[in-house]
Amino acid sequence: MGKLDKLIKKLITEEPELSIILDYAPNVTIMPVILDEDSTANPKNIGRLEYQVSDGMVGERGSSNNEYTWENAKKEAVIMQKEFDKLTVF
């Protein structure tokens, strides 16, 4: 686990309702969660940090992917933003 992942895990342990939204992906949210027995079918993942990358907030999103490092979550956010931009016509 990278240094930033460790810091994010510590932060969400202390502030579990944290939501992260990236400036360079304005229509995408990254929600870090720590998996527990209710959020994973694999017992080996309990306690693992997961980033849920979504094209909107809960109840308003069209797609969502899970990543396990901050770097991969940021890359996925940019990809998702580009897809969102393709679908948006002004």
N, C-alpha and C. Protein backbone atom coordinates (compact mmCIF):
# COMPACT_ATOMS: atom_id res chain seq x y z
N MET A 1 0.86 -1.17 0.00
CA MET A 1 0.00 0.00 0.00
C MET A 1 0.90 1.23 0.00
N GLY A 2 0.60 2.17 -0.89
CA GLY A 2 1.40 3.37 -1.01
C GLY A 2 1.17 4.34 0.15
N LYS A 3 2.06 5.32 0.27
CA LYS A 3 2.00 6.28 1.36
C LYS A 3 0.67 7.04 1.36
N LEU A 4 0.22 7.51 0.18
CA LEU A 4 -1.03 8.25 0.12
C LEU A 4 -2.21 7.34 0.47
N ASP A 5 -2.18 6.09 0.02
CA ASP A 5 -3.25 5.15 0.37
C ASP A 5 -3.33 4.99 1.90
N LYS A 6 -2.19 4.90 2.56
CA LYS A 6 -2.16 4.77 4.02
C LYS A 6 -2.76 6.01 4.68
N LEU A 7 -2.43 7.19 4.16
CA LEU A 7 -2.98 8.43 4.72
C LEU A 7 -4.49 8.51 4.51
N ILE A 8 -4.95 8.12 3.32
CA ILE A 8 -6.39 8.14 3.05
C ILE A 8 -7.11 7.14 3.95
N LYS A 9 -6.53 5.96 4.14
CA LYS A 9 -7.15 4.97 5.03
C LYS A 9 -7.26 5.52 6.45
N LYS A 10 -6.21 6.19 6.91
CA LYS A 10 -6.24 6.80 8.24
C LYS A 10 -7.31 7.88 8.31
N LEU A 11 -7.39 8.70 7.27
CA LEU A 11 -8.37 9.79 7.25
C LEU A 11 -9.80 9.26 7.27
N ILE A 12 -10.11 8.25 6.45
CA ILE A 12 -11.49 7.76 6.44
C ILE A 12 -11.82 6.93 7.68
N THR A 13 -10.80 6.42 8.34
CA THR A 13 -11.05 5.75 9.62
C THR A 13 -11.55 6.79 10.63
N GLU A 14 -10.96 7.98 10.55
CA GLU A 14 -11.36 9.05 11.47
C GLU A 14 -12.58 9.82 10.98
N GLU A 15 -12.81 9.85 9.66
CA GLU A 15 -13.94 10.58 9.06
C GLU A 15 -14.59 9.68 8.01
N PRO A 16 -15.39 8.67 8.44
CA PRO A 16 -15.89 7.64 7.53
C PRO A 16 -16.84 8.13 6.44
N GLU A 17 -17.40 9.31 6.53
CA GLU A 17 -18.30 9.80 5.50
C GLU A 17 -17.61 10.70 4.48
N LEU A 18 -16.30 10.60 4.40
CA LEU A 18 -15.50 11.40 3.48
C LEU A 18 -15.83 11.07 2.03
N SER A 19 -16.00 12.10 1.19
CA SER A 19 -16.13 11.94 -0.26
C SER A 19 -15.04 12.77 -0.91
N ILE A 20 -14.42 12.23 -1.94
CA ILE A 20 -13.38 12.95 -2.66
C ILE A 20 -13.86 13.19 -4.08
N ILE A 21 -13.78 14.44 -4.53
CA ILE A 21 -14.13 14.79 -5.90
C ILE A 21 -12.91 15.46 -6.50
N LEU A 22 -12.48 14.99 -7.67
CA LEU A 22 -11.28 15.52 -8.31
C LEU A 22 -11.60 16.71 -9.19
N ASP A 23 -10.80 17.76 -9.14
CA ASP A 23 -10.99 18.94 -9.98
C ASP A 23 -10.86 18.60 -11.46
N TYR A 24 -9.89 17.77 -11.81
CA TYR A 24 -9.69 17.47 -13.22
C TYR A 24 -10.64 16.40 -13.74
N ALA A 25 -11.54 15.95 -12.89
CA ALA A 25 -12.62 15.06 -13.28
C ALA A 25 -13.87 15.52 -12.53
N PRO A 26 -14.43 16.67 -12.92
CA PRO A 26 -15.47 17.33 -12.12
C PRO A 26 -16.79 16.57 -11.98
N ASN A 27 -17.06 15.63 -12.83
CA ASN A 27 -18.31 14.88 -12.75
C ASN A 27 -18.12 13.48 -12.18
N VAL A 28 -16.97 13.27 -11.56
CA VAL A 28 -16.62 11.95 -11.04
C VAL A 28 -16.27 12.07 -9.56
N THR A 29 -16.77 11.14 -8.78
CA THR A 29 -16.43 11.10 -7.36
C THR A 29 -15.58 9.86 -7.08
N ILE A 30 -14.74 9.99 -6.09
CA ILE A 30 -13.97 8.85 -5.60
C ILE A 30 -14.31 8.73 -4.12
N MET A 31 -14.88 7.60 -3.77
CA MET A 31 -15.26 7.39 -2.38
C MET A 31 -14.44 6.25 -1.80
N PRO A 32 -13.45 6.59 -0.98
CA PRO A 32 -12.67 5.53 -0.35
C PRO A 32 -13.47 4.88 0.77
N VAL A 33 -13.41 3.56 0.82
CA VAL A 33 -14.09 2.81 1.87
C VAL A 33 -13.14 1.74 2.39
N ILE A 34 -13.36 1.34 3.61
CA ILE A 34 -12.64 0.20 4.17
C ILE A 34 -13.64 -0.94 4.19
N LEU A 35 -13.33 -1.99 3.46
CA LEU A 35 -14.26 -3.11 3.32
C LEU A 35 -14.45 -3.84 4.65
N ASP A 36 -15.72 -4.21 4.89
CA ASP A 36 -16.03 -5.01 6.07
C ASP A 36 -16.80 -6.25 5.63
N GLU A 37 -17.24 -7.04 6.57
CA GLU A 37 -17.91 -8.30 6.23
C GLU A 37 -19.22 -8.08 5.46
N ASP A 38 -19.81 -6.89 5.56
CA ASP A 38 -21.06 -6.61 4.84
C ASP A 38 -20.81 -6.07 3.43
N SER A 39 -19.58 -5.67 3.12
CA SER A 39 -19.31 -5.05 1.81
C SER A 39 -18.42 -5.89 0.90
N THR A 40 -18.03 -7.08 1.34
CA THR A 40 -17.24 -7.96 0.49
C THR A 40 -17.60 -9.42 0.77
N ALA A 41 -17.60 -10.21 -0.28
CA ALA A 41 -17.87 -11.64 -0.12
C ALA A 41 -16.59 -12.40 0.20
N ASN A 42 -15.44 -11.76 -0.01
CA ASN A 42 -14.16 -12.41 0.21
C ASN A 42 -13.60 -12.00 1.58
N PRO A 43 -13.55 -12.91 2.53
CA PRO A 43 -13.04 -12.57 3.87
C PRO A 43 -11.62 -12.01 3.87
N LYS A 44 -10.83 -12.34 2.85
CA LYS A 44 -9.46 -11.82 2.76
C LYS A 44 -9.44 -10.31 2.52
N ASN A 45 -10.55 -9.74 2.01
CA ASN A 45 -10.61 -8.31 1.72
C ASN A 45 -11.08 -7.45 2.90
N ILE A 46 -11.52 -8.08 3.98
CA ILE A 46 -11.97 -7.31 5.15
C ILE A 46 -10.82 -6.46 5.66
N GLY A 47 -11.07 -5.18 5.81
CA GLY A 47 -10.06 -4.23 6.26
C GLY A 47 -9.29 -3.58 5.12
N ARG A 48 -9.51 -4.04 3.90
CA ARG A 48 -8.81 -3.50 2.73
C ARG A 48 -9.42 -2.17 2.29
N LEU A 49 -8.57 -1.26 1.85
CA LEU A 49 -9.01 0.02 1.32
C LEU A 49 -9.44 -0.16 -0.13
N GLU A 50 -10.63 0.34 -0.45
CA GLU A 50 -11.13 0.28 -1.82
C GLU A 50 -11.63 1.67 -2.20
N TYR A 51 -11.38 2.06 -3.44
CA TYR A 51 -11.87 3.33 -3.97
C TYR A 51 -13.01 3.05 -4.93
N GLN A 52 -14.19 3.58 -4.65
CA GLN A 52 -15.32 3.45 -5.55
C GLN A 52 -15.35 4.71 -6.42
N VAL A 53 -15.07 4.52 -7.70
CA VAL A 53 -15.00 5.63 -8.65
C VAL A 53 -16.32 5.64 -9.42
N SER A 54 -17.07 6.76 -9.33
CA SER A 54 -18.41 6.82 -9.90
C SER A 54 -18.63 8.11 -10.68
N ASP A 55 -19.52 8.02 -11.66
CA ASP A 55 -19.85 9.21 -12.45
C ASP A 55 -21.02 9.97 -11.84
N GLY A 56 -21.10 10.01 -10.56
CA GLY A 56 -22.13 10.74 -9.83
C GLY A 56 -22.26 10.22 -8.41
N MET A 57 -23.07 10.90 -7.66
CA MET A 57 -23.28 10.51 -6.27
C MET A 57 -24.21 9.31 -6.21
N VAL A 58 -24.27 8.67 -5.06
CA VAL A 58 -25.12 7.50 -4.86
C VAL A 58 -26.55 7.86 -5.23
N GLY A 59 -27.20 7.02 -6.02
CA GLY A 59 -28.56 7.25 -6.47
C GLY A 59 -28.66 8.05 -7.75
N GLU A 60 -27.54 8.66 -8.16
CA GLU A 60 -27.53 9.48 -9.37
C GLU A 60 -26.48 9.03 -10.37
N ARG A 61 -25.77 7.97 -10.07
CA ARG A 61 -24.67 7.55 -10.93
C ARG A 61 -25.13 6.55 -11.98
N GLY A 62 -24.40 6.58 -13.10
CA GLY A 62 -24.69 5.64 -14.17
C GLY A 62 -23.74 4.46 -14.15
N SER A 63 -22.49 4.72 -13.72
CA SER A 63 -21.52 3.63 -13.65
C SER A 63 -20.56 3.86 -12.49
N SER A 64 -19.96 2.77 -12.06
CA SER A 64 -19.05 2.82 -10.92
C SER A 64 -18.05 1.68 -11.06
N ASN A 65 -16.80 1.95 -10.74
CA ASN A 65 -15.75 0.93 -10.75
C ASN A 65 -14.99 0.96 -9.44
N ASN A 66 -14.40 -0.16 -9.09
CA ASN A 66 -13.62 -0.25 -7.86
C ASN A 66 -12.15 -0.34 -8.20
N GLU A 67 -11.35 0.43 -7.49
CA GLU A 67 -9.89 0.42 -7.63
C GLU A 67 -9.29 0.25 -6.25
N TYR A 68 -8.03 -0.18 -6.21
CA TYR A 68 -7.41 -0.48 -4.92
C TYR A 68 -6.18 0.36 -4.62
N THR A 69 -5.86 1.31 -5.50
CA THR A 69 -4.80 2.28 -5.20
C THR A 69 -5.28 3.65 -5.62
N TRP A 70 -4.77 4.67 -4.95
CA TRP A 70 -5.12 6.05 -5.27
C TRP A 70 -4.73 6.38 -6.71
N GLU A 71 -3.58 5.93 -7.14
CA GLU A 71 -3.13 6.20 -8.51
C GLU A 71 -4.10 5.61 -9.53
N ASN A 72 -4.52 4.38 -9.33
CA ASN A 72 -5.46 3.76 -10.26
C ASN A 72 -6.83 4.43 -10.19
N ALA A 73 -7.24 4.86 -9.01
CA ALA A 73 -8.52 5.56 -8.87
C ALA A 73 -8.50 6.87 -9.66
N LYS A 74 -7.40 7.60 -9.59
CA LYS A 74 -7.29 8.86 -10.35
C LYS A 74 -7.33 8.59 -11.85
N LYS A 75 -6.63 7.56 -12.30
CA LYS A 75 -6.64 7.21 -13.73
C LYS A 75 -8.05 6.85 -14.17
N GLU A 76 -8.75 6.06 -13.38
CA GLU A 76 -10.12 5.66 -13.70
C GLU A 76 -11.05 6.87 -13.72
N ALA A 77 -10.83 7.83 -12.81
CA ALA A 77 -11.65 9.04 -12.79
C ALA A 77 -11.51 9.83 -14.08
N VAL A 78 -10.29 9.94 -14.59
CA VAL A 78 -10.06 10.66 -15.84
C VAL A 78 -10.74 9.93 -17.00
N ILE A 79 -10.62 8.62 -17.05
CA ILE A 79 -11.26 7.83 -18.10
C ILE A 79 -12.78 8.02 -18.04
N MET A 80 -13.33 7.95 -16.84
CA MET A 80 -14.77 8.09 -16.67
C MET A 80 -15.23 9.50 -17.06
N GLN A 81 -14.42 10.51 -16.73
CA GLN A 81 -14.75 11.89 -17.10
C GLN A 81 -14.79 12.04 -18.62
N LYS A 82 -13.84 11.44 -19.31
CA LYS A 82 -13.82 11.51 -20.78
C LYS A 82 -15.06 10.86 -21.37
N GLU A 83 -15.49 9.73 -20.80
CA GLU A 83 -16.70 9.08 -21.26
C GLU A 83 -17.92 9.95 -20.99
N PHE A 84 -17.96 10.59 -19.84
CA PHE A 84 -19.05 11.49 -19.49
C PHE A 84 -19.11 12.65 -20.48
N ASP A 85 -17.94 13.21 -20.80
CA ASP A 85 -17.88 14.33 -21.73
C ASP A 85 -18.40 13.95 -23.13
N LYS A 86 -18.13 12.72 -23.56
CA LYS A 86 -18.61 12.25 -24.87
C LYS A 86 -20.13 12.21 -24.92
N LEU A 87 -20.75 11.90 -23.79
CA LEU A 87 -22.19 11.76 -23.73
C LEU A 87 -22.94 13.07 -23.49
N THR A 88 -22.20 14.09 -23.07
CA THR A 88 -22.80 15.37 -22.72
C THR A 88 -22.74 16.32 -23.90
N VAL A 89 -23.89 16.80 -24.32
CA VAL A 89 -23.95 17.75 -25.43
C VAL A 89 -24.56 19.04 -24.89
N PHE A 90 -23.87 20.12 -25.12
CA PHE A 90 -24.37 21.43 -24.65
C PHE A 90 -24.92 22.22 -25.78
